[in-house]
Every structure is written in C-alpha cells, then in structure tokens.
Amino acid sequence: MKLRTTVLFAAFMAAAPLVAASFSAAAASPKHDGAWKVQLVTEQGWCGTHQWQIGIRGGRVTEVGSPDATANGQVDPNGRVTLQIAKGDDVLRTTGVLSETGGGGAWVLPNRSCTGRWVASRA
C-alpha cells in the first residue's frame, strides 16, 4: 500500500508542469512572475518528496502540470498563495507565501491522507 500510494502521488506530481490557473486578473502580482522551483515534502502519510517547476505570470500560475490536470489559484500582491490542482480524484491544495525570491507553505492531498510543506525558490 505504501509503495502504491507513493507511486500514485509521484505520477500525480510528475503530471503536474502546463495548466492555466483561472482567477481574477485584479489579483495579479507581477513581482512574483517567473519560473519557480518547488519542492513538496511529506510530513504525514506516504506521498514522498517531489520537485517540479511552475511558472507565474501576472499573479497567475501558468505552468503546474499536464494538460489533463486543472488548477485554480493565485498569488496576491502581498505574496499570499492559494492553489488547488486537480487530476482525476486527486485534489492537491496549497497555501503559503512567496517573497520575490522564495517562499513556502503547507499542502494537503486529502484522499491520499497526506500533508506536508512546500518550499519554493526562483528557478
């Protein structure tokens, strides 16, 4: 079960670089625009550690995964991040804060009983 959950989570996260996030352009935050390296670390459950790159443009997440994933979220002008990525039955929810050079926060993948933290830095 542990290996299966880790493999499923890894597949979900590997499928996670090129999905358009949808939210109000009024929330745009150009100072956070660009490429970011993100690392997820599991603190509860068996979802492992994963790294990927995301892109932000105008406060919108423009790269987070595969074409069959959907994302909704934003980075507001103060750097507060809210993002939800869905792929099949998996819905990864993140919250946190970005500065102009880095950031971090928490994530949860409820249907896999996993939680953890994420850390981001400019790519």
Protein backbone atom coordinates (compact mmCIF):
# COMPACT_ATOMS: atom_id res chain seq x y z
CA MET A 1 0.00 0.00 0.00
CA LYS A 2 2.84 2.39 0.90
CA LEU A 3 4.56 1.82 -2.45
CA ARG A 4 1.28 2.12 -4.38
CA THR A 5 0.41 5.44 -2.72
CA THR A 6 3.92 6.78 -3.32
CA VAL A 7 3.77 5.71 -6.97
CA LEU A 8 0.31 7.25 -7.42
CA PHE A 9 1.39 10.51 -5.79
CA ALA A 10 4.59 10.59 -7.84
CA ALA A 11 2.54 10.08 -11.01
CA PHE A 12 0.20 12.88 -9.98
CA MET A 13 3.05 15.28 -9.27
CA ALA A 14 5.02 14.27 -12.36
CA ALA A 15 1.93 15.10 -14.34
CA ALA A 16 1.81 18.41 -12.56
CA PRO A 17 4.03 21.32 -15.35
CA LEU A 18 1.35 23.22 -18.09
CA VAL A 19 -2.08 24.09 -16.77
CA ALA A 20 -3.71 27.51 -16.80
CA ALA A 21 -4.98 28.75 -13.45
CA SER A 22 -8.18 30.74 -13.52
CA PHE A 23 -8.79 33.70 -11.24
CA SER A 24 -9.30 37.45 -11.41
CA ALA A 25 -6.62 39.49 -13.17
CA ALA A 26 -7.19 42.11 -10.46
CA ALA A 27 -5.21 39.84 -8.14
CA ALA A 28 -2.18 39.95 -10.43
CA SER A 29 1.22 40.22 -8.77
CA PRO A 30 3.97 40.85 -11.36
CA LYS A 31 6.76 40.89 -8.74
CA HIS A 32 6.17 37.15 -8.30
CA ASP A 33 6.18 36.43 -12.03
CA GLY A 34 8.66 33.96 -13.48
CA ALA A 35 9.86 30.40 -13.08
CA TRP A 36 9.91 28.80 -9.64
CA LYS A 37 11.37 25.52 -8.37
CA VAL A 38 9.02 23.92 -5.88
CA GLN A 39 9.74 21.04 -3.55
CA LEU A 40 6.99 19.14 -1.72
CA VAL A 41 7.98 17.31 1.44
CA THR A 42 5.52 14.86 3.01
CA GLU A 43 5.18 15.20 6.77
CA GLN A 44 2.21 12.86 7.24
CA GLY A 45 1.34 9.91 5.02
CA TRP A 46 3.35 8.13 2.34
CA CYS A 47 3.45 10.63 -0.52
CA GLY A 48 7.23 11.14 -0.62
CA THR A 49 9.26 14.17 -1.68
CA HIS A 50 8.77 15.69 -5.13
CA GLN A 51 10.22 18.60 -7.10
CA TRP A 52 8.89 20.40 -10.12
CA GLN A 53 8.91 23.79 -11.76
CA ILE A 54 5.97 26.17 -12.00
CA GLY A 55 5.54 29.42 -13.87
CA ILE A 56 3.69 32.54 -12.69
CA ARG A 57 2.60 35.38 -14.95
CA GLY A 58 0.54 38.35 -13.78
CA GLY A 59 -0.06 36.60 -10.45
CA ARG A 60 -1.48 33.57 -12.27
CA VAL A 61 0.05 30.13 -12.20
CA THR A 62 0.67 29.31 -15.86
CA GLU A 63 2.62 26.03 -15.51
CA VAL A 64 1.75 23.34 -12.99
CA GLY A 65 1.20 20.05 -14.72
CA SER A 66 -0.21 18.03 -17.52
CA PRO A 67 -2.97 19.02 -19.94
CA ASP A 68 -5.41 16.70 -18.11
CA ALA A 69 -4.92 18.48 -14.76
CA THR A 70 -6.75 21.65 -13.78
CA ALA A 71 -5.56 24.41 -11.49
CA ASN A 72 -7.19 27.32 -9.73
CA GLY A 73 -5.20 29.74 -7.64
CA GLN A 74 -3.39 32.99 -7.29
CA VAL A 75 -0.50 34.90 -5.81
CA ASP A 76 -1.83 38.18 -4.44
CA PRO A 77 0.25 41.39 -4.34
CA ASN A 78 1.37 40.56 -0.78
CA GLY A 79 2.63 37.14 -1.91
CA ARG A 80 -0.13 35.04 -0.37
CA VAL A 81 -0.53 31.85 -2.39
CA THR A 82 -3.67 29.76 -2.73
CA LEU A 83 -3.61 27.00 -5.31
CA GLN A 84 -5.65 23.90 -5.99
CA ILE A 85 -4.56 21.33 -8.57
CA ALA A 86 -6.97 18.56 -9.57
CA LYS A 87 -6.21 15.45 -11.57
CA GLY A 88 -8.79 12.69 -11.55
CA ASP A 89 -9.86 12.08 -7.95
CA ASP A 90 -6.75 13.79 -6.57
CA VAL A 91 -7.05 17.39 -5.39
CA LEU A 92 -3.85 18.93 -4.04
CA ARG A 93 -4.45 22.12 -2.04
CA THR A 94 -1.66 24.53 -1.12
CA THR A 95 -1.40 27.73 0.87
CA GLY A 96 1.61 29.83 1.73
CA VAL A 97 3.57 32.97 0.99
CA LEU A 98 6.06 33.98 -1.70
CA SER A 99 8.58 36.79 -1.47
CA GLU A 100 10.36 37.99 -4.59
CA THR A 101 13.00 35.25 -4.21
CA GLY A 102 11.46 32.35 -2.31
CA GLY A 103 8.65 31.11 -0.14
CA GLY A 104 6.85 28.21 1.37
CA GLY A 105 3.74 26.91 2.95
CA ALA A 106 1.60 23.85 3.51
CA TRP A 107 -0.14 21.35 1.25
CA VAL A 108 -2.70 18.60 1.68
CA LEU A 109 -3.81 15.72 -0.53
CA PRO A 110 -6.89 14.58 1.45
CA ASN A 111 -7.91 11.45 -0.46
CA ARG A 112 -4.37 10.05 0.00
CA SER A 113 -4.21 11.14 3.67
CA CYS A 114 -1.03 13.13 3.03
CA THR A 115 0.03 16.53 4.29
CA GLY A 116 3.27 18.40 4.22
CA ARG A 117 5.15 21.56 3.43
CA TRP A 118 6.42 23.13 0.24
CA VAL A 119 9.44 25.34 -0.37
CA ALA A 120 9.92 27.48 -3.49
CA SER A 121 12.86 29.38 -4.94
CA ARG A 122 13.43 31.23 -8.20
CA ALA A 123 14.43 28.85 -10.98
